[in-house]
Protein backbone atom coordinates (compact mmCIF):
# COMPACT_ATOMS: atom_id res chain seq x y z
CA MET A 1 -0.17 11.57 6.46
CA VAL A 2 0.12 10.15 2.96
CA PHE A 3 -2.91 9.63 0.74
CA ILE A 4 -2.39 7.48 -2.34
CA ASP A 5 -5.08 7.34 -4.98
CA ASN A 6 -5.80 3.86 -6.23
CA PRO A 7 -5.20 3.98 -10.01
CA ARG A 8 -7.64 1.06 -10.53
CA PHE A 9 -5.69 -0.59 -13.33
CA LEU A 10 -8.04 -3.59 -13.41
CA ARG A 11 -11.19 -1.50 -13.73
CA LYS A 12 -9.64 0.59 -16.49
CA ALA A 13 -8.83 -2.56 -18.43
CA GLU A 14 -12.20 -4.23 -17.83
CA LYS A 15 -13.75 -3.22 -21.14
CA ARG A 16 -10.91 -4.69 -23.19
CA LEU A 17 -10.76 -7.80 -21.01
CA LYS A 18 -14.47 -8.44 -21.48
CA THR A 19 -14.13 -8.01 -25.24
CA LEU A 20 -11.28 -10.52 -25.34
CA GLN A 21 -13.17 -12.94 -23.10
CA ARG A 22 -16.22 -12.81 -25.37
CA ALA A 23 -14.03 -13.41 -28.41
CA LEU A 24 -12.48 -16.41 -26.64
CA SER A 25 -15.87 -17.88 -25.76
CA ARG A 26 -16.92 -17.81 -29.41
CA LYS A 27 -13.97 -19.86 -30.63
CA ALA A 28 -14.33 -23.60 -31.14
CA LYS A 29 -12.73 -25.69 -28.42
CA GLY A 30 -9.44 -27.20 -29.45
CA SER A 31 -9.01 -24.87 -32.41
CA LYS A 32 -5.93 -22.81 -33.16
CA ASN A 33 -8.05 -19.66 -33.09
CA ARG A 34 -9.16 -20.46 -29.53
CA ALA A 35 -5.55 -20.96 -28.44
CA LYS A 36 -4.67 -17.64 -30.05
CA ALA A 37 -7.58 -15.90 -28.30
CA ARG A 38 -6.56 -17.46 -24.98
CA ARG A 39 -3.05 -16.07 -25.36
CA LYS A 40 -4.50 -12.60 -25.99
CA VAL A 41 -6.54 -12.80 -22.78
CA ALA A 42 -3.52 -13.97 -20.79
CA LYS A 43 -1.38 -11.20 -22.27
CA ALA A 44 -3.97 -8.56 -21.33
CA HIS A 45 -4.14 -9.82 -17.73
CA ALA A 46 -0.34 -9.93 -17.53
CA LYS A 47 -0.16 -6.33 -18.71
CA VAL A 48 -2.51 -5.24 -15.91
CA ALA A 49 -0.47 -7.16 -13.34
CA ASP A 50 2.85 -5.76 -14.60
CA THR A 51 1.51 -2.19 -14.60
CA ARG A 52 0.19 -2.60 -11.06
CA ASN A 53 3.44 -4.12 -9.79
CA ASP A 54 5.51 -1.35 -11.34
CA TRP A 55 3.28 1.27 -9.69
CA LEU A 56 3.47 -0.52 -6.33
CA HIS A 57 7.27 -0.64 -6.50
CA LYS A 58 7.47 3.07 -7.26
CA GLN A 59 5.06 4.07 -4.48
CA THR A 60 6.68 1.88 -1.82
CA THR A 61 10.13 3.13 -2.80
CA ARG A 62 8.95 6.73 -2.46
CA ILE A 63 7.36 6.10 0.94
CA ILE A 64 10.44 4.34 2.31
CA ARG A 65 12.71 7.05 0.92
CA GLU A 66 10.71 9.91 2.47
CA ASN A 67 9.81 8.38 5.86
CA GLN A 68 11.67 6.56 8.60
CA ALA A 69 8.60 5.15 10.36
CA VAL A 70 5.48 3.95 8.54
CA TYR A 71 2.29 2.67 10.15
CA LEU A 72 -0.32 0.50 8.45
CA GLU A 73 -3.64 -1.01 9.38
CA ASP A 74 -3.83 -4.80 9.28
CA LEU A 75 -6.69 -5.05 6.80
CA ASN A 76 -8.53 -8.37 6.59
CA VAL A 77 -7.89 -8.77 2.86
CA ARG A 78 -9.29 -12.30 2.71
CA GLY A 79 -12.47 -11.18 4.39
CA LEU A 80 -12.83 -8.15 2.13
CA ALA A 81 -12.25 -10.40 -0.88
CA ARG A 82 -15.51 -12.17 -0.04
CA THR A 83 -17.55 -8.96 -0.13
CA ARG A 84 -18.77 -6.68 -2.90
CA LEU A 85 -15.41 -4.90 -2.63
CA ALA A 86 -13.54 -8.01 -3.81
CA LYS A 87 -12.57 -6.70 -7.24
CA SER A 88 -11.38 -3.38 -5.85
CA VAL A 89 -9.41 -5.03 -3.06
CA HIS A 90 -7.60 -7.35 -5.46
CA GLY A 91 -7.09 -4.51 -7.92
CA ALA A 92 -5.44 -2.34 -5.28
CA GLY A 93 -2.87 -5.03 -4.49
CA TRP A 94 -2.88 -4.24 -0.76
CA SER A 95 -1.10 -7.45 0.27
CA THR A 96 1.68 -6.86 -2.27
CA PHE A 97 1.89 -3.21 -1.19
CA ARG A 98 2.40 -4.19 2.43
CA ARG A 99 4.92 -6.92 1.57
CA LEU A 100 7.03 -4.56 -0.54
CA LEU A 101 6.97 -1.91 2.19
CA GLU A 102 8.12 -4.39 4.83
CA GLU A 103 10.89 -5.79 2.60
CA LYS A 104 12.24 -2.34 1.70
CA ALA A 105 11.93 -1.12 5.28
CA ALA A 106 14.03 -4.05 6.50
CA ARG A 107 16.59 -3.41 3.76
CA TYR A 108 16.98 0.30 4.43
CA GLY A 109 16.59 0.44 8.20
CA ARG A 110 13.09 1.89 8.33
CA HIS A 111 10.36 0.89 10.75
CA VAL A 112 6.97 -0.47 9.64
CA GLY A 113 4.36 -0.79 12.37
CA ILE A 114 1.16 -2.80 11.90
CA ILE A 115 -1.97 -1.73 13.76
CA GLY A 116 -4.46 -4.41 14.80
CA ARG A 117 -7.41 -4.82 12.46
CA TYR A 118 -9.87 -4.46 15.33
CA GLU A 119 -8.72 -0.97 16.27
CA PRO A 120 -11.75 1.35 15.80
CA THR A 121 -9.76 3.82 13.72
CA SER A 122 -12.83 5.07 11.83
CA GLN A 123 -15.00 5.36 14.93
CA VAL A 124 -12.81 7.37 17.30
CA CYS A 125 -12.32 11.13 17.08
CA SER A 126 -8.61 11.77 16.48
CA THR A 127 -8.93 15.15 18.24
CA CYS A 128 -10.51 14.23 21.58
CA GLY A 129 -10.33 10.42 21.52
CA VAL A 130 -14.04 9.88 22.17
CA PRO A 131 -15.63 6.92 20.30
CA ASP A 132 -18.47 7.96 18.01
CA GLY A 133 -19.73 4.52 17.07
CA PRO A 134 -19.63 2.48 13.84
CA LYS A 135 -20.52 4.14 10.55
CA PRO A 136 -21.60 2.70 7.19
CA LEU A 137 -19.10 2.91 4.34
CA ASN A 138 -21.08 5.59 2.52
CA VAL A 139 -20.44 8.04 5.39
CA ARG A 140 -17.29 9.84 4.23
CA THR A 141 -17.38 12.82 6.63
CA TRP A 142 -18.73 13.10 10.15
CA LYS A 143 -18.78 15.44 13.11
CA CYS A 144 -17.67 14.44 16.60
CA GLY A 145 -20.53 14.71 19.07
CA ALA A 146 -18.13 15.39 21.94
CA CYS A 147 -15.81 18.14 20.66
CA GLY A 148 -17.60 19.18 17.46
CA THR A 149 -14.62 18.54 15.16
CA SER A 150 -15.52 17.69 11.57
CA HIS A 151 -13.59 14.75 10.12
CA ASP A 152 -12.87 13.21 6.77
CA ARG A 153 -13.33 9.51 7.48
CA ASP A 154 -10.05 8.41 5.92
CA LEU A 155 -7.93 11.27 7.24
CA ASN A 156 -9.27 10.72 10.76
CA ALA A 157 -8.51 7.00 10.51
CA ALA A 158 -4.97 7.71 9.28
CA ARG A 159 -4.36 9.99 12.26
CA ASN A 160 -5.59 7.29 14.63
CA ILE A 161 -3.37 4.71 12.92
CA LEU A 162 -0.37 7.02 13.33
CA ALA A 163 -1.15 7.64 17.01
CA ALA A 164 -1.67 3.92 17.71
CA GLY A 165 1.54 3.01 15.90
CA ARG A 166 3.57 5.53 17.84
CA ALA A 167 2.06 4.31 21.12
CA ASP A 168 2.84 0.67 20.30
CA ARG A 169 6.42 1.50 19.41
CA LEU A 170 6.82 3.58 22.57
CA ASN A 171 5.64 0.62 24.66
CA ALA A 172 7.88 -1.81 22.80
CA CYS A 173 11.04 0.30 22.91
CA GLY A 174 10.54 2.02 26.24
CA GLY A 175 11.08 5.42 24.65
CA PRO A 176 9.75 7.74 21.98
CA VAL A 177 10.35 7.38 18.27
CA GLY A 178 13.38 9.49 17.58
CA PRO A 179 16.33 10.01 15.28
CA GLY A 180 19.31 7.77 15.15
CA VAL A 181 17.61 4.50 14.17
CA ALA A 182 20.44 2.11 13.34
CA ILE A 183 20.89 1.42 9.65
CA PRO A 184 21.92 -2.23 9.15
CA ARG A 185 23.74 -1.48 5.92
CA GLN A 186 24.30 1.36 3.55
CA ALA A 187 21.27 2.12 1.42
CA ARG A 188 21.47 0.97 -2.14
CA PRO A 189 19.49 2.31 -5.06
CA VAL A 190 16.34 0.42 -5.96
CA GLU A 191 15.18 0.04 -9.52
CA THR A 192 11.40 0.05 -9.65
CA GLY A 193 9.55 -2.50 -11.69
CA THR A 194 10.84 -6.01 -12.16
CA HIS A 195 13.97 -6.56 -10.06
CA ARG A 196 16.66 -8.59 -11.72
CA ASN A 197 19.71 -10.14 -10.20
CA ALA A 198 22.85 -8.24 -11.16
CA ARG A 199 24.76 -11.48 -11.46
CA ARG A 200 22.39 -12.79 -14.10
CA THR A 201 22.21 -9.58 -16.07
CA GLY A 202 25.92 -8.87 -15.81
CA ARG A 203 25.27 -5.31 -14.67
CA LYS A 204 27.38 -3.73 -11.98
CA PRO A 205 25.38 -2.25 -9.08
CA ARG A 206 25.44 1.53 -8.89
CA ALA A 207 27.39 3.14 -6.09
CA ALA A 208 25.49 4.05 -2.93
CA GLY A 209 24.38 7.63 -2.96
CA ALA A 210 23.10 7.45 -6.52
CA ALA A 211 19.41 7.87 -7.24
CA GLY A 212 17.63 5.59 -4.79
CA ILE A 213 16.86 5.52 -1.09
CA PRO A 214 19.29 7.52 1.04
CA ALA A 215 20.21 6.31 4.50
CA HIS A 216 19.08 8.51 7.37
CA GLN A 217 22.01 9.88 9.32
CA ARG A 218 22.13 10.20 13.09
CA GLY A 219 20.71 13.53 14.18
CA GLU A 220 18.25 13.86 11.31
CA ASP A 221 14.58 14.39 12.08
CA VAL A 222 12.38 11.32 11.92
CA LYS A 223 9.33 11.67 9.71
CA PRO A 224 6.74 9.06 10.62
CA CYS A 225 3.66 8.65 8.48
CA SER A 226 0.41 6.79 8.20
CA PHE A 227 -1.28 6.25 4.88
CA ILE A 228 -4.40 4.91 3.23
CA LEU A 229 -4.14 3.28 -0.17
CA GLY A 230 -6.89 4.16 -2.59
CA ARG A 231 -9.40 4.88 0.16
CA LEU A 232 -10.13 1.17 0.46
CA ARG A 233 -12.47 1.90 3.34
CA GLY A 234 -15.35 2.86 1.11
CA ARG A 235 -14.42 4.19 -2.28
CA ALA A 236 -12.90 1.02 -3.62
């Protein structure tokens, strides 16, 4: 299981963004000062976006490097964006996170499994499998009424996501997740942050085996994982 704390770049920059927005609103329309203030606001937003994207690239690269099978929950991001969690959902960049994971998994021969959004991952005990019913978001820990196991809401959900992902892959492949997943091509190093085309920059790509994502060799142990980004389930 991998837990990733949401750094909340947008919330950390809120104070400065509000200050710049107020300064912009005070400038006369059509003036040079207003155009200058608008550029400052745009620059501040771009800095938040660039910082978030750099962080997302680094985290997804680490996850793909360290795991051969990754399982995610298909969160209804559009639906969450219409709730009080909207700012936190957008700030976490979940859609970008998932897209980067899937792209890097395809590139380096990893498997990314998506669990249906209607799976009751927070309601089922990961120990005995007995449903315990829906719970409000402020309930972070709970105790199973059937087996008495105490659960952290997010950790229990991650375990259920992992179990569901493994079961889906078993049904799809007709066998268990195991070593020896075919690698379509030799892994190449990935530079986190803004990716630039080597042809345009004139840089020669580094040789495979340098710092980057190593290819899993046949016979190595598979390390599947499930993860929750920033505890989006209730602490966003």
